[in-house]
PDB file of N, CA and C in Angstrom:
ATOM      1  N   MET A   1       3.655  44.788 -14.818  1.00  0.00           N
ATOM      2  CA  MET A   1       2.661  43.910 -14.549  1.00  0.00           C
ATOM      3  C   MET A   1       2.589  44.041 -13.018  1.00  0.00           C
ATOM      4  N   ASP A   2       1.708  43.950 -12.459  1.00  0.00           N
ATOM      5  CA  ASP A   2       1.268  43.875 -10.785  1.00  0.00           C
ATOM      6  C   ASP A   2       0.678  42.375 -10.621  1.00  0.00           C
ATOM      7  N   LEU A   3       1.871  41.509  -9.979  1.00  0.00           N
ATOM      8  CA  LEU A   3       1.133  40.164  -9.770  1.00  0.00           C
ATOM      9  C   LEU A   3       0.762  39.931  -8.288  1.00  0.00           C
ATOM     10  N   THR A   4       0.592  41.125  -7.470  1.00  0.00           N
ATOM     11  CA  THR A   4       0.604  41.192  -6.194  1.00  0.00           C
ATOM     12  C   THR A   4      -0.716  40.241  -5.591  1.00  0.00           C
ATOM     13  N   THR A   5      -0.816  39.509  -5.040  1.00  0.00           N
ATOM     14  CA  THR A   5      -2.094  38.380  -4.631  1.00  0.00           C
ATOM     15  C   THR A   5      -1.953  38.244  -3.052  1.00  0.00           C
ATOM     16  N   ARG A   6      -2.968  37.758  -2.822  1.00  0.00           N
ATOM     17  CA  ARG A   6      -3.283  37.450  -1.368  1.00  0.00           C
ATOM     18  C   ARG A   6      -3.422  35.956  -1.055  1.00  0.00           C
ATOM     19  N   TYR A   7      -2.797  35.232  -0.196  1.00  0.00           N
ATOM     20  CA  TYR A   7      -2.844  33.980   0.300  1.00  0.00           C
ATOM     21  C   TYR A   7      -2.880  33.571   1.482  1.00  0.00           C
ATOM     22  N   MET A   8      -3.702  33.276   2.002  1.00  0.00           N
ATOM     23  CA  MET A   8      -4.115  32.663   3.385  1.00  0.00           C
ATOM     24  C   MET A   8      -3.757  33.995   4.468  1.00  0.00           C
ATOM     25  N   GLY A   9      -4.330  35.243   3.845  1.00  0.00           N
ATOM     26  CA  GLY A   9      -4.042  36.519   4.868  1.00  0.00           C
ATOM     27  C   GLY A   9      -2.874  36.977   4.655  1.00  0.00           C
ATOM     28  N   LEU A  10      -2.084  36.559   3.602  1.00  0.00           N
ATOM     29  CA  LEU A  10      -0.680  37.243   3.543  1.00  0.00           C
ATOM     30  C   LEU A  10      -0.769  37.968   2.294  1.00  0.00           C
ATOM     31  N   THR A  11      -0.219  38.999   1.963  1.00  0.00           N
ATOM     32  CA  THR A  11      -0.020  39.633   0.799  1.00  0.00           C
ATOM     33  C   THR A  11       1.211  39.395   0.191  1.00  0.00           C
ATOM     34  N   LEU A  12       1.230  38.875  -0.992  1.00  0.00           N
ATOM     35  CA  LEU A  12       2.416  38.367  -1.615  1.00  0.00           C
ATOM     36  C   LEU A  12       2.617  39.422  -3.051  1.00  0.00           C
ATOM     37  N   GLU A  13       3.989  39.327  -3.213  1.00  0.00           N
ATOM     38  CA  GLU A  13       4.315  40.126  -4.676  1.00  0.00           C
ATOM     39  C   GLU A  13       4.097  39.439  -5.384  1.00  0.00           C
ATOM     40  N   HIS A  14       4.123  37.999  -5.700  1.00  0.00           N
ATOM     41  CA  HIS A  14       3.609  37.250  -6.664  1.00  0.00           C
ATOM     42  C   HIS A  14       3.369  35.798  -6.352  1.00  0.00           C
ATOM     43  N   PRO A  15       2.634  35.217  -7.009  1.00  0.00           N
ATOM     44  CA  PRO A  15       2.212  33.895  -6.366  1.00  0.00           C
ATOM     45  C   PRO A  15       2.893  32.686  -6.568  1.00  0.00           C
ATOM     46  N   VAL A  16       4.609  32.973  -6.868  1.00  0.00           N
ATOM     47  CA  VAL A  16       5.421  31.980  -6.997  1.00  0.00           C
ATOM     48  C   VAL A  16       5.623  31.663  -5.508  1.00  0.00           C
ATOM     49  N   VAL A  17       5.407  30.283  -5.045  1.00  0.00           N
ATOM     50  CA  VAL A  17       5.623  29.982  -3.793  1.00  0.00           C
ATOM     51  C   VAL A  17       6.353  28.398  -4.145  1.00  0.00           C
ATOM     52  N   PRO A  18       7.426  28.424  -3.577  1.00  0.00           N
ATOM     53  CA  PRO A  18       8.015  26.802  -3.646  1.00  0.00           C
ATOM     54  C   PRO A  18       7.306  25.969  -2.845  1.00  0.00           C
ATOM     55  N   SER A  19       7.176  24.995  -3.100  1.00  0.00           N
ATOM     56  CA  SER A  19       6.317  23.670  -2.303  1.00  0.00           C
ATOM     57  C   SER A  19       7.531  23.427  -1.052  1.00  0.00           C
ATOM     58  N   ALA A  20       7.023  22.408  -0.200  1.00  0.00           N
ATOM     59  CA  ALA A  20       7.969  21.516   0.570  1.00  0.00           C
ATOM     60  C   ALA A  20       8.772  20.721  -0.109  1.00  0.00           C
ATOM     61  N   SER A  21       9.892  20.796  -0.080  1.00  0.00           N
ATOM     62  CA  SER A  21      11.108  19.974  -0.831  1.00  0.00           C
ATOM     63  C   SER A  21      12.366  19.796  -0.074  1.00  0.00           C
ATOM     64  N   PRO A  22      13.294  19.264  -0.531  1.00  0.00           N
ATOM     65  CA  PRO A  22      14.573  18.970   0.182  1.00  0.00           C
ATOM     66  C   PRO A  22      14.868  20.590   0.457  1.00  0.00           C
ATOM     67  N   LEU A  23      14.817  21.589  -0.503  1.00  0.00           N
ATOM     68  CA  LEU A  23      15.182  23.054  -0.585  1.00  0.00           C
ATOM     69  C   LEU A  23      14.752  23.689   0.775  1.00  0.00           C
ATOM     70  N   SER A  24      13.972  23.368   1.206  1.00  0.00           N
ATOM     71  CA  SER A  24      13.072  24.096   2.004  1.00  0.00           C
ATOM     72  C   SER A  24      13.664  23.259   3.691  1.00  0.00           C
ATOM     73  N   LYS A  25      14.414  22.394   3.612  1.00  0.00           N
ATOM     74  CA  LYS A  25      14.948  21.830   4.810  1.00  0.00           C
ATOM     75  C   LYS A  25      15.917  22.488   5.736  1.00  0.00           C
ATOM     76  N   SER A  26      16.626  23.256   5.091  1.00  0.00           N
ATOM     77  CA  SER A  26      17.855  24.027   5.818  1.00  0.00           C
ATOM     78  C   SER A  26      17.430  25.493   5.500  1.00  0.00           C
ATOM     79  N   ILE A  27      18.522  26.214   6.561  1.00  0.00           N
ATOM     80  CA  ILE A  27      18.104  27.791   6.541  1.00  0.00           C
ATOM     81  C   ILE A  27      18.792  28.301   5.531  1.00  0.00           C
ATOM     82  N   GLY A  28      20.142  27.528   5.107  1.00  0.00           N
ATOM     83  CA  GLY A  28      20.825  28.064   3.918  1.00  0.00           C
ATOM     84  C   GLY A  28      19.936  28.044   2.464  1.00  0.00           C
ATOM     85  N   SER A  29      19.350  27.022   2.341  1.00  0.00           N
ATOM     86  CA  SER A  29      18.554  26.875   1.359  1.00  0.00           C
ATOM     87  C   SER A  29      17.551  27.552   1.280  1.00  0.00           C
ATOM     88  N   ILE A  30      16.871  27.874   2.396  1.00  0.00           N
ATOM     89  CA  ILE A  30      15.643  28.803   2.251  1.00  0.00           C
ATOM     90  C   ILE A  30      15.878  29.993   1.740  1.00  0.00           C
ATOM     91  N   ARG A  31      17.165  30.649   2.380  1.00  0.00           N
ATOM     92  CA  ARG A  31      17.945  31.822   2.183  1.00  0.00           C
ATOM     93  C   ARG A  31      17.910  32.258   0.715  1.00  0.00           C
ATOM     94  N   GLN A  32      18.583  30.721   0.100  1.00  0.00           N
ATOM     95  CA  GLN A  32      18.846  31.156  -1.528  1.00  0.00           C
ATOM     96  C   GLN A  32      17.352  31.283  -2.287  1.00  0.00           C
ATOM     97  N   LEU A  33      16.540  30.278  -1.813  1.00  0.00           N
ATOM     98  CA  LEU A  33      15.306  30.532  -2.473  1.00  0.00           C
ATOM     99  C   LEU A  33      14.702  32.123  -2.098  1.00  0.00           C
ATOM    100  N   GLU A  34      14.889  32.510  -1.019  1.00  0.00           N
ATOM    101  CA  GLU A  34      14.366  33.993  -0.938  1.00  0.00           C
ATOM    102  C   GLU A  34      15.239  35.094  -1.883  1.00  0.00           C
ATOM    103  N   ASP A  35      16.498  34.646  -1.599  1.00  0.00           N
ATOM    104  CA  ASP A  35      17.294  35.594  -2.714  1.00  0.00           C
ATOM    105  C   ASP A  35      17.084  35.281  -4.074  1.00  0.00           C
ATOM    106  N   ALA A  36      16.486  33.967  -4.437  1.00  0.00           N
ATOM    107  CA  ALA A  36      16.076  33.911  -5.947  1.00  0.00           C
ATOM    108  C   ALA A  36      14.747  34.708  -6.044  1.00  0.00           C
ATOM    109  N   GLY A  37      13.829  35.276  -4.962  1.00  0.00           N
ATOM    110  CA  GLY A  37      13.197  35.819  -5.529  1.00  0.00           C
ATOM    111  C   GLY A  37      11.581  35.043  -5.055  1.00  0.00           C
ATOM    112  N   ALA A  38      11.706  34.116  -4.336  1.00  0.00           N
ATOM    113  CA  ALA A  38      10.423  33.321  -3.576  1.00  0.00           C
ATOM    114  C   ALA A  38       9.645  34.354  -2.795  1.00  0.00           C
ATOM    115  N   ALA A  39       8.286  34.454  -3.100  1.00  0.00           N
ATOM    116  CA  ALA A  39       7.598  35.517  -2.297  1.00  0.00           C
ATOM    117  C   ALA A  39       7.412  34.546  -0.974  1.00  0.00           C
ATOM    118  N   ALA A  40       6.963  33.514  -0.830  1.00  0.00           N
ATOM    119  CA  ALA A  40       6.882  32.664   0.566  1.00  0.00           C
ATOM    120  C   ALA A  40       7.492  31.187   0.249  1.00  0.00           C
ATOM    121  N   ILE A  41       7.437  30.460   1.231  1.00  0.00           N
ATOM    122  CA  ILE A  41       8.024  29.082   1.290  1.00  0.00           C
ATOM    123  C   ILE A  41       7.100  28.267   2.097  1.00  0.00           C
ATOM    124  N   THR A  42       6.781  27.253   1.568  1.00  0.00           N
ATOM    125  CA  THR A  42       6.135  26.082   2.399  1.00  0.00           C
ATOM    126  C   THR A  42       6.867  25.215   2.827  1.00  0.00           C
ATOM    127  N   MET A  43       6.790  24.972   4.009  1.00  0.00           N
ATOM    128  CA  MET A  43       7.620  24.352   5.051  1.00  0.00           C
ATOM    129  C   MET A  43       6.928  22.914   5.382  1.00  0.00           C
ATOM    130  N   TYR A  44       7.867  21.887   5.550  1.00  0.00           N
ATOM    131  CA  TYR A  44       7.411  20.645   6.009  1.00  0.00           C
ATOM    132  C   TYR A  44       6.440  20.661   7.170  1.00  0.00           C
ATOM    133  N   SER A  45       5.661  19.810   7.364  1.00  0.00           N
ATOM    134  CA  SER A  45       4.810  19.813   8.727  1.00  0.00           C
ATOM    135  C   SER A  45       5.555  19.833   9.919  1.00  0.00           C
ATOM    136  N   LEU A  46       5.022  20.439  10.971  1.00  0.00           N
ATOM    137  CA  LEU A  46       5.844  20.584  12.150  1.00  0.00           C
ATOM    138  C   LEU A  46       5.859  19.209  12.672  1.00  0.00           C
ATOM    139  N   PHE A  47       4.629  18.616  12.486  1.00  0.00           N
ATOM    140  CA  PHE A  47       4.291  17.204  13.251  1.00  0.00           C
ATOM    141  C   PHE A  47       4.881  15.976  12.168  1.00  0.00           C
ATOM    142  N   GLU A  48       5.426  16.104  11.243  1.00  0.00           N
ATOM    143  CA  GLU A  48       5.530  14.824  10.349  1.00  0.00           C
ATOM    144  C   GLU A  48       6.496  13.966  11.281  1.00  0.00           C
ATOM    145  N   GLU A  49       7.482  13.999  12.290  1.00  0.00           N
ATOM    146  CA  GLU A  49       8.469  13.364  13.063  1.00  0.00           C
ATOM    147  C   GLU A  49       7.401  12.575  13.619  1.00  0.00           C
ATOM    148  N   GLN A  50       6.334  13.387  14.430  1.00  0.00           N
ATOM    149  CA  GLN A  50       5.585  12.612  15.353  1.00  0.00           C
ATOM    150  C   GLN A  50       4.463  11.464  14.848  1.00  0.00           C
ATOM    151  N   ILE A  51       4.197  11.852  13.481  1.00  0.00           N
ATOM    152  CA  ILE A  51       3.462  10.935  12.651  1.00  0.00           C
ATOM    153  C   ILE A  51       4.331   9.703  12.376  1.00  0.00           C
ATOM    154  N   ASP A  52       5.428   9.606  11.982  1.00  0.00           N
ATOM    155  CA  ASP A  52       6.379   8.771  11.535  1.00  0.00           C
ATOM    156  C   ASP A  52       6.544   7.883  12.618  1.00  0.00           C
ATOM    157  N   ILE A  53       6.958   8.591  14.045  1.00  0.00           N
ATOM    158  CA  ILE A  53       7.110   7.823  15.181  1.00  0.00           C
ATOM    159  C   ILE A  53       5.996   7.197  15.524  1.00  0.00           C
ATOM    160  N   GLU A  54       4.500   7.521  15.369  1.00  0.00           N
ATOM    161  CA  GLU A  54       3.361   6.688  15.686  1.00  0.00           C
ATOM    162  C   GLU A  54       3.079   5.567  14.971  1.00  0.00           C
ATOM    163  N   ALA A  55       3.522   5.781  13.518  1.00  0.00           N
ATOM    164  CA  ALA A  55       3.329   4.705  12.584  1.00  0.00           C
ATOM    165  C   ALA A  55       4.435   3.581  13.099  1.00  0.00           C
ATOM    166  N   LEU A  56       5.758   3.841  13.207  1.00  0.00           N
ATOM    167  CA  LEU A  56       6.501   2.883  13.634  1.00  0.00           C
ATOM    168  C   LEU A  56       6.375   2.225  14.906  1.00  0.00           C
ATOM    169  N   SER A  57       5.932   3.064  15.713  1.00  0.00           N
ATOM    170  CA  SER A  57       5.613   2.056  17.136  1.00  0.00           C
ATOM    171  C   SER A  57       4.543   1.348  16.937  1.00  0.00           C
ATOM    172  N   LEU A  58       3.263   1.620  16.340  1.00  0.00           N
ATOM    173  CA  LEU A  58       2.107   1.040  15.846  1.00  0.00           C
ATOM    174  C   LEU A  58       2.688  -0.545  15.235  1.00  0.00           C
ATOM    175  N   HIS A  59       3.525  -0.418  14.088  1.00  0.00           N
ATOM    176  CA  HIS A  59       4.101  -1.391  13.684  1.00  0.00           C
ATOM    177  C   HIS A  59       4.999  -2.460  14.405  1.00  0.00           C
ATOM    178  N   TYR A  60       5.681  -1.765  15.236  1.00  0.00           N
ATOM    179  CA  TYR A  60       6.389  -2.611  16.418  1.00  0.00           C
ATOM    180  C   TYR A  60       5.727  -3.302  17.454  1.00  0.00           C
ATOM    181  N   PHE A  61       4.389  -2.736  17.886  1.00  0.00           N
ATOM    182  CA  PHE A  61       3.752  -3.372  18.911  1.00  0.00           C
ATOM    183  C   PHE A  61       2.918  -4.473  18.050  1.00  0.00           C
ATOM    184  N   LEU A  62       2.390  -4.272  16.790  1.00  0.00           N
ATOM    185  CA  LEU A  62       1.355  -5.101  16.167  1.00  0.00           C
ATOM    186  C   LEU A  62       2.573  -6.379  15.924  1.00  0.00           C
ATOM    187  N   GLU A  63       3.903  -6.146  15.726  1.00  0.00           N
ATOM    188  CA  GLU A  63       4.672  -7.368  15.299  1.00  0.00           C
ATOM    189  C   GLU A  63       5.329  -8.096  16.108  1.00  0.00           C
ATOM    190  N   ARG A  64       5.526  -7.545  17.474  1.00  0.00           N
ATOM    191  CA  ARG A  64       6.057  -7.870  18.444  1.00  0.00           C
ATOM    192  C   ARG A  64       5.728  -9.175  19.091  1.00  0.00           C
ATOM    193  N   GLY A  65       6.475 -10.152  19.192  1.00  0.00           N
ATOM    194  CA  GLY A  65       5.853 -11.215  19.915  1.00  0.00           C
ATOM    195  C   GLY A  65       5.319 -12.430  18.961  1.00  0.00           C
ATOM    196  N   THR A  66       5.303 -12.027  17.690  1.00  0.00           N
ATOM    197  CA  THR A  66       4.454 -13.047  16.674  1.00  0.00           C
ATOM    198  C   THR A  66       5.180 -14.206  16.470  1.00  0.00           C
ATOM    199  N   GLN A  67       6.616 -14.255  16.510  1.00  0.00           N
ATOM    200  CA  GLN A  67       7.354 -15.496  16.489  1.00  0.00           C
ATOM    201  C   GLN A  67       7.910 -16.050  17.768  1.00  0.00           C
ATOM    202  N   SER A  68       7.425 -15.461  18.817  1.00  0.00           N
ATOM    203  CA  SER A  68       8.069 -16.176  19.971  1.00  0.00           C
ATOM    204  C   SER A  68       7.400 -17.133  20.628  1.00  0.00           C
ATOM    205  N   TYR A  69       6.206 -17.423  20.415  1.00  0.00           N
ATOM    206  CA  TYR A  69       5.722 -18.899  20.903  1.00  0.00           C
ATOM    207  C   TYR A  69       5.154 -19.876  19.834  1.00  0.00           C
ATOM    208  N   ALA A  70       5.669 -20.991  20.273  1.00  0.00           N
ATOM    209  CA  ALA A  70       5.394 -21.957  18.971  1.00  0.00           C
ATOM    210  C   ALA A  70       3.929 -22.313  18.771  1.00  0.00           C
ATOM    211  N   GLU A  71       2.965 -21.930  19.684  1.00  0.00           N
ATOM    212  CA  GLU A  71       1.757 -21.949  19.119  1.00  0.00           C
ATOM    213  C   GLU A  71       1.244 -21.071  18.224  1.00  0.00           C
ATOM    214  N   ALA A  72       1.803 -20.028  18.375  1.00  0.00           N
ATOM    215  CA  ALA A  72       1.482 -18.675  17.596  1.00  0.00           C
ATOM    216  C   ALA A  72       1.581 -18.766  16.139  1.00  0.00           C
ATOM    217  N   LEU A  73       2.453 -20.261  15.527  1.00  0.00           N
ATOM    218  CA  LEU A  73       2.638 -20.296  14.147  1.00  0.00           C
ATOM    219  C   LEU A  73       1.597 -21.507  14.096  1.00  0.00           C
ATOM    220  N   THR A  74       0.633 -22.066  14.813  1.00  0.00           N
ATOM    221  CA  THR A  74      -0.427 -22.831  14.271  1.00  0.00           C
ATOM    222  C   THR A  74      -1.780 -22.158  14.761  1.00  0.00           C
ATOM    223  N   TYR A  75      -2.273 -20.909  14.562  1.00  0.00           N
ATOM    224  CA  TYR A  75      -3.138 -20.499  15.257  1.00  0.00           C
ATOM    225  C   TYR A  75      -4.479 -20.986  13.924  1.00  0.00           C
ATOM    226  N   PHE A  76      -3.882 -21.033  12.450  1.00  0.00           N
ATOM    227  CA  PHE A  76      -4.535 -21.286  11.354  1.00  0.00           C
ATOM    228  C   PHE A  76      -4.031 -22.503  11.055  1.00  0.00           C
ATOM    229  N   PRO A  77      -5.239 -23.299  10.334  1.00  0.00           N
ATOM    230  CA  PRO A  77      -4.613 -24.620   9.712  1.00  0.00           C
ATOM    231  C   PRO A  77      -3.921 -24.463   8.391  1.00  0.00           C
ATOM    232  N   TYR A  78      -2.895 -25.185   7.812  1.00  0.00           N
ATOM    233  CA  TYR A  78      -2.308 -25.052   6.725  1.00  0.00           C
ATOM    234  C   TYR A  78      -3.544 -25.292   5.686  1.00  0.00           C
ATOM    235  N   GLN A  79      -2.965 -24.790   4.504  1.00  0.00           N
ATOM    236  CA  GLN A  79      -3.891 -24.160   3.329  1.00  0.00           C
ATOM    237  C   GLN A  79      -4.500 -25.479   2.650  1.00  0.00           C
ATOM    238  N   THR A  80      -3.581 -26.426   2.693  1.00  0.00           N
ATOM    239  CA  THR A  80      -3.889 -27.659   2.327  1.00  0.00           C
ATOM    240  C   THR A  80      -4.558 -28.550   3.377  1.00  0.00           C
ATOM    241  N   ASP A  81      -4.737 -28.222   4.539  1.00  0.00           N
ATOM    242  CA  ASP A  81      -5.617 -28.924   5.350  1.00  0.00           C
ATOM    243  C   ASP A  81      -6.928 -27.956   5.707  1.00  0.00           C
ATOM    244  N   TYR A  82      -7.161 -27.092   5.082  1.00  0.00           N
ATOM    245  CA  TYR A  82      -8.244 -26.191   5.686  1.00  0.00           C
ATOM    246  C   TYR A  82      -9.403 -26.714   4.407  1.00  0.00           C
ATOM    247  N   ASN A  83     -10.431 -26.899   5.006  1.00  0.00           N
ATOM    248  CA  ASN A  83     -11.977 -27.481   4.431  1.00  0.00           C
ATOM    249  C   ASN A  83     -12.405 -26.240   3.856  1.00  0.00           C
ATOM    250  N   ARG A  84     -12.461 -25.985   2.425  1.00  0.00           N
ATOM    251  CA  ARG A  84     -13.038 -24.653   1.714  1.00  0.00           C
ATOM    252  C   ARG A  84     -14.385 -25.273   1.265  1.00  0.00           C
ATOM    253  N   GLY A  85     -15.284 -26.327   1.790  1.00  0.00           N
ATOM    254  CA  GLY A  85     -16.365 -26.670   1.281  1.00  0.00           C
ATOM    255  C   GLY A  85     -16.473 -27.354   0.102  1.00  0.00           C
ATOM    256  N   ARG A  86     -15.476 -27.829  -0.369  1.00  0.00           N
ATOM    257  CA  ARG A  86     -15.363 -28.560  -1.826  1.00  0.00           C
ATOM    258  C   ARG A  86     -15.148 -29.827  -1.351  1.00  0.00           C
ATOM    259  N   THR A  87     -15.917 -30.676  -2.297  1.00  0.00           N
ATOM    260  CA  THR A  87     -15.438 -32.304  -2.109  1.00  0.00           C
ATOM    261  C   THR A  87     -14.781 -32.474  -3.345  1.00  0.00           C
ATOM    262  N   ASN A  88     -13.760 -33.741  -3.363  1.00  0.00           N
ATOM    263  CA  ASN A  88     -13.068 -34.072  -4.489  1.00  0.00           C
ATOM    264  C   ASN A  88     -13.961 -35.370  -5.266  1.00  0.00           C
ATOM    265  N   THR A  89     -14.671 -34.462  -6.620  1.00  0.00           N
ATOM    266  CA  THR A  89     -15.248 -35.377  -7.177  1.00  0.00           C
ATOM    267  C   THR A  89     -14.704 -36.456  -8.024  1.00  0.00           C
ATOM    268  N   TRP A  90     -13.318 -36.331  -8.115  1.00  0.00           N
ATOM    269  CA  TRP A  90     -12.230 -37.136  -8.883  1.00  0.00           C
ATOM    270  C   TRP A  90     -11.759 -38.226  -8.175  1.00  0.00           C
ATOM    271  N   THR A  91     -11.933 -38.477  -7.039  1.00  0.00           N
ATOM    272  CA  THR A  91     -11.532 -39.701  -6.305  1.00  0.00           C
ATOM    273  C   THR A  91     -12.609 -40.583  -5.910  1.00  0.00           C
TER     274      THR A  91
END
């Protein structure tokens, strides 16, 4: 049976392609997948580390200094003191 297929401009012997997984993180594991007959290997994104670093730095700068000033804790009134437009009809 001929399972030859074309995928993204590549001619593959068969359509079995391992996805990005812990097996595709090291060269040794990739060679084992190749020896096991994988037609191609899906690698992790080359920019995954950059995306993680940007997300962590954004979180750091958004949270930085929120507890460093006493007035930062009193920007909003306490929930019990906040007027929500209701009046107490029972008192």
